[in-house]
Amino acid sequence: MQIRKLTVEDATAFWSLRLAGLRDYPASFGEDYAAALELTAEQVRRRVTWATSGDNFIFGAFDPELVGTVCLLREEATKQRHKAEVWGVLVAPEAQGQGVASALLQAVIAEAHKIDGLDHLRLGVETNNDVAIRTYERAGFERLFADPRTMKVGDRFVDEYIMVYWLTNRGG
């Protein structure tokens, strides 16, 4: 398995995997599958270009095709640039249970440590997704709080845990 940063040339593979995730795990992603299907190839390329610019990046796991992703978006506002959001954690069903998510999280954490002024990483995870929660906790993320009714998927509300990974000493 190879883990590397994605570029705009990977947009089609990224979007194909993301669409499958939106379809198969609707409670795990804020984006709606039906709405995502409406995006043009150019809109997808613009999204990937934005998500891979500046301090933002997307890591992909390849075996040999793209089988997993994780994204990091640094806050842009001056008073919030000390944090970044981890999102889009997704592993294709055929690659689950093989350590792909853990390897992607370790790559994100290592890269985040290189970003000047970044204090911590945050993410949201569905409160009943025990496998994902354990994966994040093994990577060093801590639960901060439960955020009720974060999303509504059909008639069902989805609660999330907000989790954090501290890159620096919290004394500060």
N, C-alpha and C. Protein backbone atom coordinates (compact mmCIF):
# COMPACT_ATOMS: atom_id res chain seq x y z
N MET A 1 0.85 -1.19 0.00
CA MET A 1 0.00 0.00 0.00
C MET A 1 0.89 1.24 0.00
N GLN A 2 0.53 2.19 -0.85
CA GLN A 2 1.24 3.47 -0.93
C GLN A 2 0.31 4.56 -0.42
N ILE A 3 0.85 5.45 0.42
CA ILE A 3 0.09 6.61 0.88
C ILE A 3 0.81 7.84 0.38
N ARG A 4 0.03 8.71 -0.27
CA ARG A 4 0.62 9.95 -0.79
C ARG A 4 -0.46 11.03 -0.85
N LYS A 5 0.02 12.26 -0.98
CA LYS A 5 -0.90 13.38 -1.16
C LYS A 5 -1.53 13.30 -2.55
N LEU A 6 -2.81 13.60 -2.59
CA LEU A 6 -3.50 13.65 -3.88
C LEU A 6 -3.24 14.98 -4.56
N THR A 7 -3.36 14.97 -5.87
CA THR A 7 -3.28 16.18 -6.67
C THR A 7 -4.57 16.26 -7.49
N VAL A 8 -4.71 17.33 -8.22
CA VAL A 8 -5.90 17.49 -9.05
C VAL A 8 -6.01 16.37 -10.09
N GLU A 9 -4.88 15.75 -10.46
CA GLU A 9 -4.92 14.63 -11.40
C GLU A 9 -5.64 13.42 -10.80
N ASP A 10 -5.77 13.38 -9.48
CA ASP A 10 -6.46 12.28 -8.80
C ASP A 10 -7.94 12.57 -8.57
N ALA A 11 -8.44 13.68 -9.11
CA ALA A 11 -9.80 14.12 -8.81
C ALA A 11 -10.85 13.07 -9.17
N THR A 12 -10.72 12.43 -10.31
CA THR A 12 -11.72 11.45 -10.74
C THR A 12 -11.76 10.26 -9.78
N ALA A 13 -10.59 9.73 -9.43
CA ALA A 13 -10.54 8.60 -8.50
C ALA A 13 -11.06 9.01 -7.12
N PHE A 14 -10.67 10.20 -6.67
CA PHE A 14 -11.14 10.69 -5.38
C PHE A 14 -12.66 10.79 -5.37
N TRP A 15 -13.21 11.38 -6.43
CA TRP A 15 -14.64 11.61 -6.46
C TRP A 15 -15.42 10.30 -6.57
N SER A 16 -14.89 9.36 -7.30
CA SER A 16 -15.54 8.05 -7.41
C SER A 16 -15.63 7.37 -6.04
N LEU A 17 -14.53 7.39 -5.29
CA LEU A 17 -14.53 6.80 -3.95
C LEU A 17 -15.44 7.57 -3.02
N ARG A 18 -15.40 8.88 -3.10
CA ARG A 18 -16.24 9.71 -2.23
C ARG A 18 -17.73 9.47 -2.51
N LEU A 19 -18.11 9.41 -3.78
CA LEU A 19 -19.52 9.14 -4.10
C LEU A 19 -19.98 7.80 -3.52
N ALA A 20 -19.13 6.79 -3.61
CA ALA A 20 -19.48 5.49 -3.03
C ALA A 20 -19.67 5.61 -1.52
N GLY A 21 -18.82 6.38 -0.87
CA GLY A 21 -18.95 6.59 0.56
C GLY A 21 -20.21 7.35 0.93
N LEU A 22 -20.53 8.39 0.16
CA LEU A 22 -21.75 9.16 0.41
C LEU A 22 -22.98 8.29 0.24
N ARG A 23 -22.94 7.41 -0.74
CA ARG A 23 -24.07 6.51 -1.01
C ARG A 23 -24.20 5.44 0.09
N ASP A 24 -23.07 4.83 0.45
CA ASP A 24 -23.09 3.68 1.35
C ASP A 24 -23.12 4.05 2.84
N TYR A 25 -22.62 5.23 3.19
CA TYR A 25 -22.53 5.65 4.59
C TYR A 25 -23.08 7.07 4.76
N PRO A 26 -24.35 7.29 4.47
CA PRO A 26 -24.90 8.64 4.47
C PRO A 26 -24.81 9.36 5.82
N ALA A 27 -24.81 8.63 6.92
CA ALA A 27 -24.74 9.26 8.24
C ALA A 27 -23.31 9.65 8.62
N SER A 28 -22.34 9.28 7.81
CA SER A 28 -20.94 9.58 8.12
C SER A 28 -20.43 10.84 7.44
N PHE A 29 -21.22 11.40 6.55
CA PHE A 29 -20.74 12.55 5.77
C PHE A 29 -21.81 13.63 5.72
N GLY A 30 -21.39 14.88 5.80
CA GLY A 30 -22.32 15.99 5.75
C GLY A 30 -22.86 16.27 4.36
N GLU A 31 -22.13 15.83 3.36
CA GLU A 31 -22.56 16.07 1.98
C GLU A 31 -23.59 15.03 1.56
N ASP A 32 -24.56 15.46 0.80
CA ASP A 32 -25.64 14.60 0.34
C ASP A 32 -25.26 13.92 -0.98
N TYR A 33 -25.52 12.62 -1.06
CA TYR A 33 -25.17 11.84 -2.25
C TYR A 33 -25.85 12.39 -3.51
N ALA A 34 -27.16 12.63 -3.44
CA ALA A 34 -27.89 13.10 -4.63
C ALA A 34 -27.34 14.44 -5.12
N ALA A 35 -27.04 15.34 -4.20
CA ALA A 35 -26.48 16.64 -4.58
C ALA A 35 -25.08 16.47 -5.17
N ALA A 36 -24.29 15.57 -4.60
CA ALA A 36 -22.93 15.35 -5.09
C ALA A 36 -22.94 14.78 -6.50
N LEU A 37 -23.94 13.98 -6.82
CA LEU A 37 -24.04 13.43 -8.18
C LEU A 37 -24.22 14.51 -9.24
N GLU A 38 -24.76 15.64 -8.85
CA GLU A 38 -25.04 16.73 -9.79
C GLU A 38 -23.80 17.54 -10.16
N LEU A 39 -22.71 17.37 -9.43
CA LEU A 39 -21.52 18.17 -9.71
C LEU A 39 -20.88 17.75 -11.03
N THR A 40 -20.41 18.73 -11.75
CA THR A 40 -19.71 18.46 -13.01
C THR A 40 -18.25 18.09 -12.72
N ALA A 41 -17.59 17.53 -13.71
CA ALA A 41 -16.18 17.18 -13.56
C ALA A 41 -15.35 18.42 -13.22
N GLU A 42 -15.69 19.55 -13.82
CA GLU A 42 -14.95 20.79 -13.53
C GLU A 42 -15.17 21.24 -12.10
N GLN A 43 -16.38 21.13 -11.60
CA GLN A 43 -16.66 21.49 -10.20
C GLN A 43 -15.88 20.58 -9.25
N VAL A 44 -15.80 19.32 -9.57
CA VAL A 44 -15.03 18.39 -8.74
C VAL A 44 -13.55 18.77 -8.76
N ARG A 45 -13.03 19.08 -9.94
CA ARG A 45 -11.61 19.49 -10.06
C ARG A 45 -11.34 20.75 -9.23
N ARG A 46 -12.28 21.71 -9.25
CA ARG A 46 -12.11 22.93 -8.45
C ARG A 46 -12.10 22.61 -6.97
N ARG A 47 -12.97 21.72 -6.54
CA ARG A 47 -13.00 21.32 -5.13
C ARG A 47 -11.69 20.67 -4.71
N VAL A 48 -11.19 19.77 -5.53
CA VAL A 48 -9.94 19.09 -5.20
C VAL A 48 -8.78 20.08 -5.23
N THR A 49 -8.78 20.99 -6.16
CA THR A 49 -7.73 22.01 -6.21
C THR A 49 -7.74 22.83 -4.93
N TRP A 50 -8.92 23.26 -4.47
CA TRP A 50 -9.03 24.03 -3.22
C TRP A 50 -8.58 23.18 -2.03
N ALA A 51 -9.00 21.91 -1.98
CA ALA A 51 -8.70 21.05 -0.84
C ALA A 51 -7.25 20.58 -0.81
N THR A 52 -6.49 20.91 -1.85
CA THR A 52 -5.07 20.53 -1.89
C THR A 52 -4.18 21.76 -2.04
N SER A 53 -4.69 22.93 -1.65
CA SER A 53 -3.91 24.16 -1.77
C SER A 53 -3.54 24.70 -0.39
N GLY A 54 -2.49 25.49 -0.35
CA GLY A 54 -2.05 26.08 0.91
C GLY A 54 -1.69 24.99 1.90
N ASP A 55 -2.21 25.12 3.13
CA ASP A 55 -1.97 24.11 4.16
C ASP A 55 -2.96 22.95 4.10
N ASN A 56 -3.88 22.99 3.16
CA ASN A 56 -4.88 21.92 3.01
C ASN A 56 -4.29 20.78 2.20
N PHE A 57 -4.73 19.57 2.50
CA PHE A 57 -4.27 18.44 1.70
C PHE A 57 -5.23 17.26 1.85
N ILE A 58 -5.10 16.34 0.91
CA ILE A 58 -5.81 15.07 0.94
C ILE A 58 -4.77 13.98 0.78
N PHE A 59 -4.79 13.03 1.70
CA PHE A 59 -3.95 11.85 1.53
C PHE A 59 -4.80 10.73 0.96
N GLY A 60 -4.20 9.95 0.09
CA GLY A 60 -4.86 8.78 -0.46
C GLY A 60 -4.03 7.54 -0.22
N ALA A 61 -4.73 6.43 -0.01
CA ALA A 61 -4.08 5.12 0.11
C ALA A 61 -4.35 4.37 -1.18
N PHE A 62 -3.30 3.85 -1.80
CA PHE A 62 -3.41 3.16 -3.08
C PHE A 62 -2.96 1.71 -2.93
N ASP A 63 -3.76 0.78 -3.51
CA ASP A 63 -3.43 -0.64 -3.40
C ASP A 63 -3.99 -1.43 -4.56
N PRO A 64 -3.62 -1.35 -5.80
CA PRO A 64 -2.88 -0.24 -6.38
C PRO A 64 -3.78 0.96 -6.68
N GLU A 65 -5.11 0.74 -6.73
CA GLU A 65 -6.05 1.84 -6.96
C GLU A 65 -6.33 2.56 -5.64
N LEU A 66 -6.96 3.72 -5.72
CA LEU A 66 -7.30 4.49 -4.53
C LEU A 66 -8.32 3.72 -3.70
N VAL A 67 -7.96 3.40 -2.46
CA VAL A 67 -8.84 2.63 -1.58
C VAL A 67 -9.18 3.37 -0.28
N GLY A 68 -8.56 4.55 -0.07
CA GLY A 68 -8.85 5.29 1.15
C GLY A 68 -8.42 6.73 1.03
N THR A 69 -9.11 7.58 1.78
CA THR A 69 -8.78 9.01 1.80
C THR A 69 -8.93 9.58 3.20
N VAL A 70 -8.23 10.66 3.42
CA VAL A 70 -8.41 11.51 4.60
C VAL A 70 -7.98 12.91 4.18
N CYS A 71 -8.72 13.90 4.63
CA CYS A 71 -8.47 15.28 4.22
C CYS A 71 -8.21 16.15 5.45
N LEU A 72 -7.45 17.20 5.25
CA LEU A 72 -7.21 18.19 6.31
C LEU A 72 -7.45 19.56 5.72
N LEU A 73 -8.29 20.33 6.40
CA LEU A 73 -8.54 21.72 6.01
C LEU A 73 -8.21 22.63 7.18
N ARG A 74 -7.26 23.51 6.97
CA ARG A 74 -6.89 24.47 8.01
C ARG A 74 -7.87 25.63 7.98
N GLU A 75 -8.26 26.06 9.16
CA GLU A 75 -9.14 27.21 9.27
C GLU A 75 -8.46 28.43 8.64
N GLU A 76 -9.24 29.28 8.00
CA GLU A 76 -8.67 30.44 7.31
C GLU A 76 -8.70 31.71 8.15
N ALA A 77 -9.69 31.85 9.04
CA ALA A 77 -9.81 33.06 9.84
C ALA A 77 -8.61 33.21 10.77
N THR A 78 -8.09 34.40 10.89
CA THR A 78 -6.89 34.67 11.67
C THR A 78 -6.98 34.09 13.08
N LYS A 79 -8.10 34.27 13.73
CA LYS A 79 -8.26 33.82 15.11
C LYS A 79 -8.51 32.31 15.22
N GLN A 80 -8.61 31.63 14.08
CA GLN A 80 -8.88 30.19 14.12
C GLN A 80 -7.85 29.36 13.37
N ARG A 81 -6.78 30.00 12.90
CA ARG A 81 -5.77 29.29 12.11
C ARG A 81 -4.94 28.31 12.93
N HIS A 82 -5.15 28.28 14.22
CA HIS A 82 -4.43 27.34 15.08
C HIS A 82 -5.03 25.93 15.03
N LYS A 83 -6.13 25.76 14.29
CA LYS A 83 -6.77 24.44 14.24
C LYS A 83 -7.09 24.07 12.79
N ALA A 84 -7.28 22.77 12.62
CA ALA A 84 -7.62 22.24 11.29
C ALA A 84 -8.64 21.13 11.47
N GLU A 85 -9.46 20.94 10.45
CA GLU A 85 -10.51 19.92 10.46
C GLU A 85 -10.04 18.71 9.66
N VAL A 86 -10.15 17.54 10.27
CA VAL A 86 -9.92 16.28 9.57
C VAL A 86 -11.29 15.82 9.08
N TRP A 87 -11.40 15.52 7.81
CA TRP A 87 -12.69 15.13 7.25
C TRP A 87 -12.47 14.14 6.11
N GLY A 88 -13.55 13.58 5.62
CA GLY A 88 -13.48 12.70 4.46
C GLY A 88 -12.71 11.42 4.70
N VAL A 89 -12.69 10.94 5.95
CA VAL A 89 -12.02 9.67 6.22
C VAL A 89 -12.89 8.56 5.64
N LEU A 90 -12.33 7.83 4.70
CA LEU A 90 -13.10 6.82 3.99
C LEU A 90 -12.18 5.71 3.51
N VAL A 91 -12.61 4.48 3.75
CA VAL A 91 -11.87 3.32 3.25
C VAL A 91 -12.86 2.45 2.49
N ALA A 92 -12.50 2.07 1.28
CA ALA A 92 -13.35 1.22 0.46
C ALA A 92 -13.61 -0.10 1.19
N PRO A 93 -14.81 -0.66 1.03
CA PRO A 93 -15.15 -1.91 1.75
C PRO A 93 -14.12 -3.02 1.59
N GLU A 94 -13.56 -3.18 0.39
CA GLU A 94 -12.61 -4.27 0.15
C GLU A 94 -11.28 -4.06 0.87
N ALA A 95 -11.01 -2.85 1.38
CA ALA A 95 -9.76 -2.56 2.07
C ALA A 95 -9.95 -2.36 3.58
N GLN A 96 -11.18 -2.43 4.05
CA GLN A 96 -11.43 -2.24 5.48
C GLN A 96 -10.84 -3.38 6.29
N GLY A 97 -10.44 -3.06 7.52
CA GLY A 97 -9.86 -4.05 8.41
C GLY A 97 -8.41 -4.36 8.13
N GLN A 98 -7.77 -3.57 7.28
CA GLN A 98 -6.37 -3.82 6.91
C GLN A 98 -5.43 -2.70 7.38
N GLY A 99 -5.92 -1.82 8.25
CA GLY A 99 -5.08 -0.75 8.79
C GLY A 99 -4.97 0.47 7.90
N VAL A 100 -5.79 0.57 6.88
CA VAL A 100 -5.71 1.70 5.95
C VAL A 100 -6.04 3.01 6.65
N ALA A 101 -7.14 3.04 7.39
CA ALA A 101 -7.53 4.28 8.08
C ALA A 101 -6.46 4.71 9.07
N SER A 102 -5.91 3.76 9.81
CA SER A 102 -4.85 4.09 10.78
C SER A 102 -3.63 4.68 10.08
N ALA A 103 -3.24 4.09 8.96
CA ALA A 103 -2.08 4.59 8.22
C ALA A 103 -2.35 5.99 7.67
N LEU A 104 -3.55 6.22 7.18
CA LEU A 104 -3.91 7.55 6.68
C LEU A 104 -3.89 8.58 7.81
N LEU A 105 -4.43 8.22 8.97
CA LEU A 105 -4.45 9.15 10.11
C LEU A 105 -3.03 9.48 10.56
N GLN A 106 -2.15 8.48 10.59
CA GLN A 106 -0.77 8.74 10.98
C GLN A 106 -0.09 9.67 9.97
N ALA A 107 -0.40 9.52 8.69
CA ALA A 107 0.16 10.42 7.67
C ALA A 107 -0.33 11.84 7.87
N VAL A 108 -1.62 12.00 8.16
CA VAL A 108 -2.17 13.34 8.40
C VAL A 108 -1.53 13.97 9.63
N ILE A 109 -1.42 13.22 10.70
CA ILE A 109 -0.84 13.74 11.93
C ILE A 109 0.61 14.16 11.71
N ALA A 110 1.38 13.32 11.03
CA ALA A 110 2.79 13.65 10.75
C ALA A 110 2.90 14.92 9.92
N GLU A 111 2.05 15.05 8.91
CA GLU A 111 2.08 16.25 8.07
C GLU A 111 1.61 17.48 8.84
N ALA A 112 0.61 17.32 9.69
CA ALA A 112 0.09 18.44 10.48
C ALA A 112 1.15 18.98 11.42
N HIS A 113 2.00 18.11 11.94
CA HIS A 113 3.08 18.56 12.83
C HIS A 113 4.04 19.51 12.12
N LYS A 114 4.09 19.45 10.80
CA LYS A 114 5.00 20.30 10.02
C LYS A 114 4.42 21.69 9.74
N ILE A 115 3.15 21.90 10.02
CA ILE A 115 2.49 23.16 9.69
C ILE A 115 2.68 24.15 10.83
N ASP A 116 3.36 25.22 10.54
CA ASP A 116 3.67 26.23 11.54
C ASP A 116 2.39 26.83 12.13
N GLY A 117 2.33 26.88 13.45
CA GLY A 117 1.22 27.53 14.14
C GLY A 117 -0.01 26.66 14.34
N LEU A 118 0.03 25.43 13.90
CA LEU A 118 -1.13 24.55 14.05
C LEU A 118 -1.06 23.89 15.43
N ASP A 119 -2.14 24.05 16.20
CA ASP A 119 -2.20 23.57 17.58
C ASP A 119 -2.91 22.23 17.71
N HIS A 120 -4.02 22.06 16.97
CA HIS A 120 -4.77 20.81 17.12
C HIS A 120 -5.62 20.53 15.89
N LEU A 121 -6.01 19.25 15.81
CA LEU A 121 -6.88 18.75 14.75
C LEU A 121 -8.21 18.37 15.38
N ARG A 122 -9.30 18.64 14.66
CA ARG A 122 -10.63 18.27 15.13
C ARG A 122 -11.32 17.43 14.08
N LEU A 123 -12.24 16.60 14.55
CA LEU A 123 -13.08 15.84 13.63
C LEU A 123 -14.39 15.51 14.32
N GLY A 124 -15.37 15.17 13.52
CA GLY A 124 -16.65 14.71 14.04
C GLY A 124 -16.88 13.28 13.56
N VAL A 125 -17.43 12.46 14.46
CA VAL A 125 -17.70 11.05 14.12
C VAL A 125 -19.04 10.66 14.74
N GLU A 126 -19.82 9.92 13.98
CA GLU A 126 -21.12 9.45 14.44
C GLU A 126 -20.94 8.67 15.76
N THR A 127 -21.77 9.00 16.76
CA THR A 127 -21.59 8.43 18.10
C THR A 127 -21.75 6.92 18.15
N ASN A 128 -22.43 6.33 17.19
CA ASN A 128 -22.58 4.87 17.22
C ASN A 128 -21.65 4.15 16.24
N ASN A 129 -20.66 4.85 15.71
CA ASN A 129 -19.68 4.24 14.81
C ASN A 129 -18.47 3.80 15.65
N ASP A 130 -18.64 2.69 16.36
CA ASP A 130 -17.61 2.23 17.30
C ASP A 130 -16.27 1.93 16.64
N VAL A 131 -16.28 1.38 15.44
CA VAL A 131 -15.03 1.06 14.75
C VAL A 131 -14.24 2.34 14.47
N ALA A 132 -14.91 3.35 13.95
CA ALA A 132 -14.23 4.62 13.66
C ALA A 132 -13.74 5.29 14.94
N ILE A 133 -14.57 5.29 15.97
CA ILE A 133 -14.18 5.92 17.24
C ILE A 133 -12.92 5.25 17.79
N ARG A 134 -12.89 3.92 17.79
CA ARG A 134 -11.69 3.22 18.29
C ARG A 134 -10.46 3.53 17.42
N THR A 135 -10.66 3.63 16.12
CA THR A 135 -9.54 3.96 15.23
C THR A 135 -8.99 5.34 15.55
N TYR A 136 -9.87 6.30 15.74
CA TYR A 136 -9.43 7.66 16.08
C TYR A 136 -8.75 7.69 17.44
N GLU A 137 -9.30 6.99 18.41
CA GLU A 137 -8.69 6.97 19.74
C GLU A 137 -7.32 6.31 19.71
N ARG A 138 -7.16 5.24 18.96
CA ARG A 138 -5.84 4.59 18.83
C ARG A 138 -4.83 5.54 18.19
N ALA A 139 -5.31 6.42 17.31
CA ALA A 139 -4.41 7.39 16.66
C ALA A 139 -4.07 8.56 17.58
N GLY A 140 -4.74 8.66 18.73
CA GLY A 140 -4.43 9.72 19.69
C GLY A 140 -5.49 10.79 19.82
N PHE A 141 -6.61 10.65 19.13
CA PHE A 141 -7.70 11.61 19.27
C PHE A 141 -8.45 11.36 20.58
N GLU A 142 -8.94 12.43 21.20
CA GLU A 142 -9.73 12.35 22.42
C GLU A 142 -11.12 12.89 22.14
N ARG A 143 -12.11 12.32 22.80
CA ARG A 143 -13.47 12.84 22.69
C ARG A 143 -13.57 14.12 23.53
N LEU A 144 -14.08 15.18 22.92
CA LEU A 144 -14.32 16.42 23.65
C LEU A 144 -15.74 16.48 24.19
N PHE A 145 -16.71 16.24 23.29
CA PHE A 145 -18.11 16.30 23.69
C PHE A 145 -18.98 15.66 22.62
N ALA A 146 -20.20 15.37 23.01
CA ALA A 146 -21.19 14.88 22.05
C ALA A 146 -21.97 16.07 21.52
N ASP A 147 -22.14 16.11 20.22
CA ASP A 147 -22.87 17.17 19.55
C ASP A 147 -24.17 16.57 19.02
N PRO A 148 -25.30 16.81 19.71
CA PRO A 148 -26.55 16.16 19.31
C PRO A 148 -27.11 16.73 18.01
N ARG A 149 -27.76 15.85 17.27
CA ARG A 149 -28.47 16.22 16.05
C ARG A 149 -27.61 17.04 15.09
N THR A 150 -26.42 16.59 14.88
CA THR A 150 -25.49 17.27 13.98
C THR A 150 -26.01 17.27 12.55
N MET A 151 -26.62 16.15 12.17
CA MET A 151 -27.18 16.02 10.82
C MET A 151 -28.54 15.33 10.93
N LYS A 152 -29.28 15.45 9.84
CA LYS A 152 -30.53 14.70 9.72
C LYS A 152 -30.49 13.96 8.40
N VAL A 153 -30.52 12.63 8.49
CA VAL A 153 -30.47 11.78 7.31
C VAL A 153 -31.83 11.12 7.20
N GLY A 154 -32.60 11.55 6.20
CA GLY A 154 -33.98 11.09 6.11
C GLY A 154 -34.76 11.57 7.33
N ASP A 155 -35.33 10.65 8.06
CA ASP A 155 -36.08 10.99 9.27
C ASP A 155 -35.25 10.82 10.54
N ARG A 156 -33.98 10.46 10.40
CA ARG A 156 -33.15 10.13 11.56
C ARG A 156 -32.12 11.22 11.82
N PHE A 157 -32.06 11.64 13.09
CA PHE A 157 -31.02 12.57 13.50
C PHE A 157 -29.74 11.79 13.80
N VAL A 158 -28.61 12.41 13.51
CA VAL A 158 -27.31 11.80 13.75
C VAL A 158 -26.56 12.66 14.77
N ASP A 159 -26.14 12.03 15.85
CA ASP A 159 -25.31 12.69 16.86
C ASP A 159 -23.86 12.39 16.55
N GLU A 160 -22.99 13.34 16.88
CA GLU A 160 -21.55 13.14 16.65
C GLU A 160 -20.77 13.41 17.92
N TYR A 161 -19.65 12.73 18.02
CA TYR A 161 -18.63 13.12 18.99
C TYR A 161 -17.69 14.06 18.27
N ILE A 162 -17.34 15.14 18.92
CA ILE A 162 -16.27 16.00 18.44
C ILE A 162 -15.01 15.51 19.13
N MET A 163 -14.00 15.21 18.32
CA MET A 163 -12.75 14.66 18.85
C MET A 163 -11.60 15.59 18.48
N VAL A 164 -10.55 15.54 19.27
CA VAL A 164 -9.41 16.42 19.06
C VAL A 164 -8.10 15.63 19.19
N TYR A 165 -7.13 16.05 18.40
CA TYR A 165 -5.77 15.55 18.51
C TYR A 165 -4.89 16.78 18.79
N TRP A 166 -4.22 16.77 19.93
CA TRP A 166 -3.39 17.91 20.31
C TRP A 166 -2.00 17.77 19.67
N LEU A 167 -1.61 18.76 18.90
CA LEU A 167 -0.30 18.78 18.26
C LEU A 167 0.74 19.46 19.15
N THR A 168 0.29 20.29 20.07
CA THR A 168 1.18 21.03 20.95
C THR A 168 0.80 20.79 22.39
N ASN A 169 1.60 21.30 23.29
CA ASN A 169 1.31 21.21 24.71
C ASN A 169 0.06 22.04 25.00
N ARG A 170 -0.89 21.46 25.70
CA ARG A 170 -2.16 22.14 25.96
C ARG A 170 -2.03 23.23 27.03
N GLY A 171 -0.88 23.41 27.60
CA GLY A 171 -0.73 24.39 28.68
C GLY A 171 -0.79 25.83 28.21
N GLY A 172 -0.72 26.05 26.93
CA GLY A 172 -0.64 27.24 26.45
C GLY A 172 -0.87 28.45 25.99
